[in-house]
């Protein structure tokens, strides 16, 4: 029976030692500060990366909007020019005389054929 008694006493001392050591480790404030600092540093890094990515995406968006505006301006210019050409095409009349036909051919830089 004495043998079991030593195991029981040793077990109780070990349990009390673990409880005291656990309490001391749990009350140390520096470990909480280290974890808090690491968490804050990681959060700051993530925020900075997020802000940098936002700047890049905003620049890309601004560039695309500028390209769209330029494209719309070119489209309006071309449509206006197309409208003018269609109107000029409709305004063209057939030549009424051979002389007028020869003048038009000369204007184009061609030589009239011999009749």
Protein backbone atom coordinates (compact mmCIF):
# COMPACT_ATOMS: atom_id res chain seq x y z
CA UNK A 1 0.00 0.00 0.00
CA UNK A 2 2.91 2.33 0.60
CA UNK A 3 3.89 2.04 -3.04
CA UNK A 4 0.51 3.38 -4.26
CA UNK A 5 0.67 6.14 -1.68
CA UNK A 6 3.86 7.55 -3.28
CA UNK A 7 2.24 7.51 -6.72
CA UNK A 8 -0.78 9.40 -5.44
CA UNK A 9 1.36 12.02 -3.69
CA UNK A 10 3.58 12.38 -6.80
CA UNK A 11 0.51 12.72 -9.00
CA UNK A 12 -1.00 15.43 -6.80
CA UNK A 13 2.31 17.36 -6.80
CA UNK A 14 2.54 17.06 -10.61
CA UNK A 15 -1.05 18.30 -11.06
CA UNK A 16 -0.46 21.27 -8.76
CA UNK A 17 2.80 22.06 -10.60
CA UNK A 18 1.04 22.02 -14.01
CA UNK A 19 -1.74 24.28 -12.70
CA UNK A 20 0.75 26.80 -11.26
CA UNK A 21 2.90 26.79 -14.42
CA UNK A 22 -0.19 27.15 -16.63
CA UNK A 23 -1.43 30.08 -14.54
CA UNK A 24 1.93 31.84 -14.72
CA UNK A 25 2.18 31.40 -18.50
CA UNK A 26 -1.40 32.58 -18.94
CA UNK A 27 -0.85 35.80 -17.00
CA UNK A 28 2.23 36.95 -18.89
CA UNK A 29 1.18 40.06 -20.84
CA UNK A 30 4.06 40.11 -23.31
CA UNK A 31 2.68 37.14 -25.21
CA UNK A 32 -0.59 38.98 -25.80
CA UNK A 33 1.32 42.05 -26.92
CA UNK A 34 3.39 40.04 -29.37
CA UNK A 35 0.31 38.41 -30.87
CA UNK A 36 -1.44 41.79 -31.05
CA UNK A 37 1.56 43.40 -32.73
CA UNK A 38 1.86 40.60 -35.24
CA UNK A 39 -1.85 40.82 -35.99
CA UNK A 40 -1.64 44.60 -36.42
CA UNK A 41 1.41 44.31 -38.69
CA UNK A 42 -0.33 41.75 -40.88
CA UNK A 43 -3.45 43.92 -41.03
CA UNK A 44 -1.38 46.97 -42.02
CA UNK A 45 0.37 44.98 -44.76
CA UNK A 46 -2.93 43.71 -46.11
CA UNK A 47 -4.40 47.25 -46.03
CA UNK A 48 -1.38 48.63 -47.91
CA UNK A 49 -1.59 45.89 -50.54
CA UNK A 50 -5.32 46.55 -50.90
CA UNK A 51 -4.76 50.29 -51.33
CA UNK A 52 -1.99 49.73 -53.89
CA UNK A 53 -4.23 47.35 -55.84
CA UNK A 54 -7.06 49.91 -55.73
CA UNK A 55 -4.76 52.59 -57.15
CA UNK A 56 -3.70 50.29 -60.00
CA UNK A 57 -7.30 49.30 -60.76
CA UNK A 58 -8.49 52.93 -60.61
CA UNK A 59 -5.75 53.96 -63.07
CA UNK A 60 -6.75 51.12 -65.38
CA UNK A 61 -10.39 52.16 -65.13
CA UNK A 62 -9.53 55.80 -65.85
CA UNK A 63 -7.46 54.73 -68.89
CA UNK A 64 -10.32 52.62 -70.23
CA UNK A 65 -12.83 55.46 -69.71
CA UNK A 66 -10.50 57.81 -71.57
CA UNK A 67 -10.19 55.31 -74.45
CA UNK A 68 -13.98 54.95 -74.56
CA UNK A 69 -14.43 58.73 -74.70
CA UNK A 70 -11.88 59.02 -77.53
CA UNK A 71 -13.54 56.15 -79.38
CA UNK A 72 -16.96 57.80 -79.09
CA UNK A 73 -15.51 61.07 -80.40
CA UNK A 74 -13.99 59.26 -83.40
CA UNK A 75 -17.30 57.49 -83.96
CA UNK A 76 -19.21 60.79 -83.98
CA UNK A 77 -16.66 62.33 -86.36
CA UNK A 78 -16.87 59.38 -88.75
CA UNK A 79 -20.66 59.32 -88.65
CA UNK A 80 -20.74 63.03 -89.40
CA UNK A 81 -18.34 62.56 -92.29
CA UNK A 82 -20.40 59.63 -93.56
CA UNK A 83 -23.54 61.78 -93.43
CA UNK A 84 -21.81 64.52 -95.45
CA UNK A 85 -20.61 62.00 -98.04
CA UNK A 86 -24.10 60.53 -98.39
CA UNK A 87 -25.52 64.01 -98.87
CA UNK A 88 -22.88 64.84 -101.47
CA UNK A 89 -23.67 61.58 -103.25
CA UNK A 90 -27.36 62.44 -103.36
CA UNK A 91 -26.58 65.94 -104.64
CA UNK A 92 -24.61 64.66 -107.66
CA UNK A 93 -26.50 65.22 -110.92
CA UNK A 94 -25.86 63.63 -114.25
CA UNK A 95 -23.92 65.80 -116.69
CA UNK A 96 -26.17 67.60 -119.14
CA UNK A 97 -23.63 68.05 -121.93
CA UNK A 98 -20.46 66.51 -123.27
CA UNK A 99 -18.50 69.58 -122.23
CA UNK A 100 -19.64 69.21 -118.61
CA UNK A 101 -18.69 65.52 -118.74
CA UNK A 102 -15.22 66.41 -120.05
CA UNK A 103 -14.79 69.00 -117.25
CA UNK A 104 -15.69 66.41 -114.60
CA UNK A 105 -13.26 63.88 -116.05
CA UNK A 106 -10.50 66.52 -116.14
CA UNK A 107 -11.27 67.41 -112.50
CA UNK A 108 -10.62 63.79 -111.58
CA UNK A 109 -7.23 64.00 -113.29
CA UNK A 110 -8.16 61.72 -116.19
CA UNK A 111 -8.04 62.37 -119.91
CA UNK A 112 -11.36 62.27 -121.71
CA UNK A 113 -11.66 59.62 -124.39
CA UNK A 114 -11.83 60.65 -128.01
CA UNK A 115 -15.30 60.71 -129.49
